[in-house]
């Protein structure tokens, strides 16, 4: 990941870097890797995330279709 620093404005470059990291899901992954997660707990979490993504897609589709 690369961020250009313009006019020695490091604060703006840091904000841009944080935004890129947020979009990539890096912070979420770091939080998940902080502690060991049992495989059974991982499967449960991933299944819950998949259900949540599916429900969100259905809501979005319903809103788009006007229903």
C-alpha atoms as a PDB file:
ATOM      1  CA  UNK A   1       0.000   0.000   0.000  1.00  0.00           C
ATOM      2  CA  UNK A   2       1.452   3.341  -0.992  1.00  0.00           C
ATOM      3  CA  UNK A   3       0.518   6.928  -0.150  1.00  0.00           C
ATOM      4  CA  UNK A   4       2.123   9.997  -1.634  1.00  0.00           C
ATOM      5  CA  UNK A   5       3.072  12.867   0.690  1.00  0.00           C
ATOM      6  CA  UNK A   6       2.472  16.198  -1.012  1.00  0.00           C
ATOM      7  CA  UNK A   7       3.981  19.486   0.164  1.00  0.00           C
ATOM      8  CA  UNK A   8       5.317  17.805   3.339  1.00  0.00           C
ATOM      9  CA  UNK A   9       1.721  17.375   4.532  1.00  0.00           C
ATOM     10  CA  UNK A  10       2.183  14.202   6.567  1.00  0.00           C
ATOM     11  CA  UNK A  11      -1.116  14.590   8.455  1.00  0.00           C
ATOM     12  CA  UNK A  12      -3.130  14.396   5.247  1.00  0.00           C
ATOM     13  CA  UNK A  13      -1.066  11.406   4.059  1.00  0.00           C
ATOM     14  CA  UNK A  14      -1.789   9.588   7.330  1.00  0.00           C
ATOM     15  CA  UNK A  15      -5.518  10.245   6.937  1.00  0.00           C
ATOM     16  CA  UNK A  16      -5.420   8.900   3.384  1.00  0.00           C
ATOM     17  CA  UNK A  17      -3.494   5.811   4.554  1.00  0.00           C
ATOM     18  CA  UNK A  18      -5.993   5.128   7.345  1.00  0.00           C
ATOM     19  CA  UNK A  19      -8.888   5.461   4.895  1.00  0.00           C
ATOM     20  CA  UNK A  20      -7.229   2.987   2.494  1.00  0.00           C
ATOM     21  CA  UNK A  21      -6.570   0.546   5.334  1.00  0.00           C
ATOM     22  CA  UNK A  22     -10.191   0.827   6.475  1.00  0.00           C
ATOM     23  CA  UNK A  23     -11.475   0.077   2.966  1.00  0.00           C
ATOM     24  CA  UNK A  24      -9.187  -2.952   2.663  1.00  0.00           C
ATOM     25  CA  UNK A  25     -10.476  -4.353   5.960  1.00  0.00           C
ATOM     26  CA  UNK A  26      -7.029  -4.328   7.520  1.00  0.00           C
ATOM     27  CA  UNK A  27      -8.188  -3.034  10.905  1.00  0.00           C
ATOM     28  CA  UNK A  28     -10.863  -5.728  11.147  1.00  0.00           C
ATOM     29  CA  UNK A  29      -8.337  -8.424  10.281  1.00  0.00           C
ATOM     30  CA  UNK A  30      -5.851  -7.122  12.870  1.00  0.00           C
ATOM     31  CA  UNK A  31      -8.569  -7.201  15.510  1.00  0.00           C
ATOM     32  CA  UNK A  32      -9.511 -10.781  14.585  1.00  0.00           C
ATOM     33  CA  UNK A  33      -5.882 -11.960  14.725  1.00  0.00           C
ATOM     34  CA  UNK A  34      -5.225 -10.373  18.120  1.00  0.00           C
ATOM     35  CA  UNK A  35      -6.276 -13.556  19.893  1.00  0.00           C
ATOM     36  CA  UNK A  36      -6.617 -17.201  18.883  1.00  0.00           C
ATOM     37  CA  UNK A  37     -10.023 -18.194  17.582  1.00  0.00           C
ATOM     38  CA  UNK A  38     -11.116 -21.800  17.729  1.00  0.00           C
ATOM     39  CA  UNK A  39     -12.039 -23.272  14.331  1.00  0.00           C
ATOM     40  CA  UNK A  40     -15.616 -23.917  15.465  1.00  0.00           C
ATOM     41  CA  UNK A  41     -15.980 -20.283  16.579  1.00  0.00           C
ATOM     42  CA  UNK A  42     -14.506 -19.125  13.263  1.00  0.00           C
ATOM     43  CA  UNK A  43     -17.069 -21.147  11.306  1.00  0.00           C
ATOM     44  CA  UNK A  44     -19.897 -19.729  13.415  1.00  0.00           C
ATOM     45  CA  UNK A  45     -18.639 -16.152  12.899  1.00  0.00           C
ATOM     46  CA  UNK A  46     -18.145 -16.599   9.161  1.00  0.00           C
ATOM     47  CA  UNK A  47     -21.605 -18.117   8.761  1.00  0.00           C
ATOM     48  CA  UNK A  48     -23.154 -15.202  10.674  1.00  0.00           C
ATOM     49  CA  UNK A  49     -21.262 -12.735   8.468  1.00  0.00           C
ATOM     50  CA  UNK A  50     -22.494 -14.507   5.323  1.00  0.00           C
ATOM     51  CA  UNK A  51     -26.094 -14.340   6.558  1.00  0.00           C
ATOM     52  CA  UNK A  52     -25.662 -10.651   7.336  1.00  0.00           C
ATOM     53  CA  UNK A  53     -24.232  -9.952   3.856  1.00  0.00           C
ATOM     54  CA  UNK A  54     -27.106 -11.854   2.259  1.00  0.00           C
ATOM     55  CA  UNK A  55     -29.743  -9.947   4.251  1.00  0.00           C
ATOM     56  CA  UNK A  56     -28.078  -6.653   3.353  1.00  0.00           C
ATOM     57  CA  UNK A  57     -28.094  -7.597  -0.347  1.00  0.00           C
ATOM     58  CA  UNK A  58     -31.773  -8.543  -0.148  1.00  0.00           C
ATOM     59  CA  UNK A  59     -32.621  -5.224   1.560  1.00  0.00           C
ATOM     60  CA  UNK A  60     -30.667  -3.329  -1.083  1.00  0.00           C
ATOM     61  CA  UNK A  61     -32.401  -5.255  -3.895  1.00  0.00           C
ATOM     62  CA  UNK A  62     -35.829  -4.616  -2.358  1.00  0.00           C
ATOM     63  CA  UNK A  63     -35.103  -0.912  -2.009  1.00  0.00           C
ATOM     64  CA  UNK A  64     -33.846  -0.692  -5.596  1.00  0.00           C
ATOM     65  CA  UNK A  65     -36.883  -2.561  -6.968  1.00  0.00           C
ATOM     66  CA  UNK A  66     -39.236  -0.350  -4.981  1.00  0.00           C
ATOM     67  CA  UNK A  67     -40.695  -3.170  -2.975  1.00  0.00           C
END
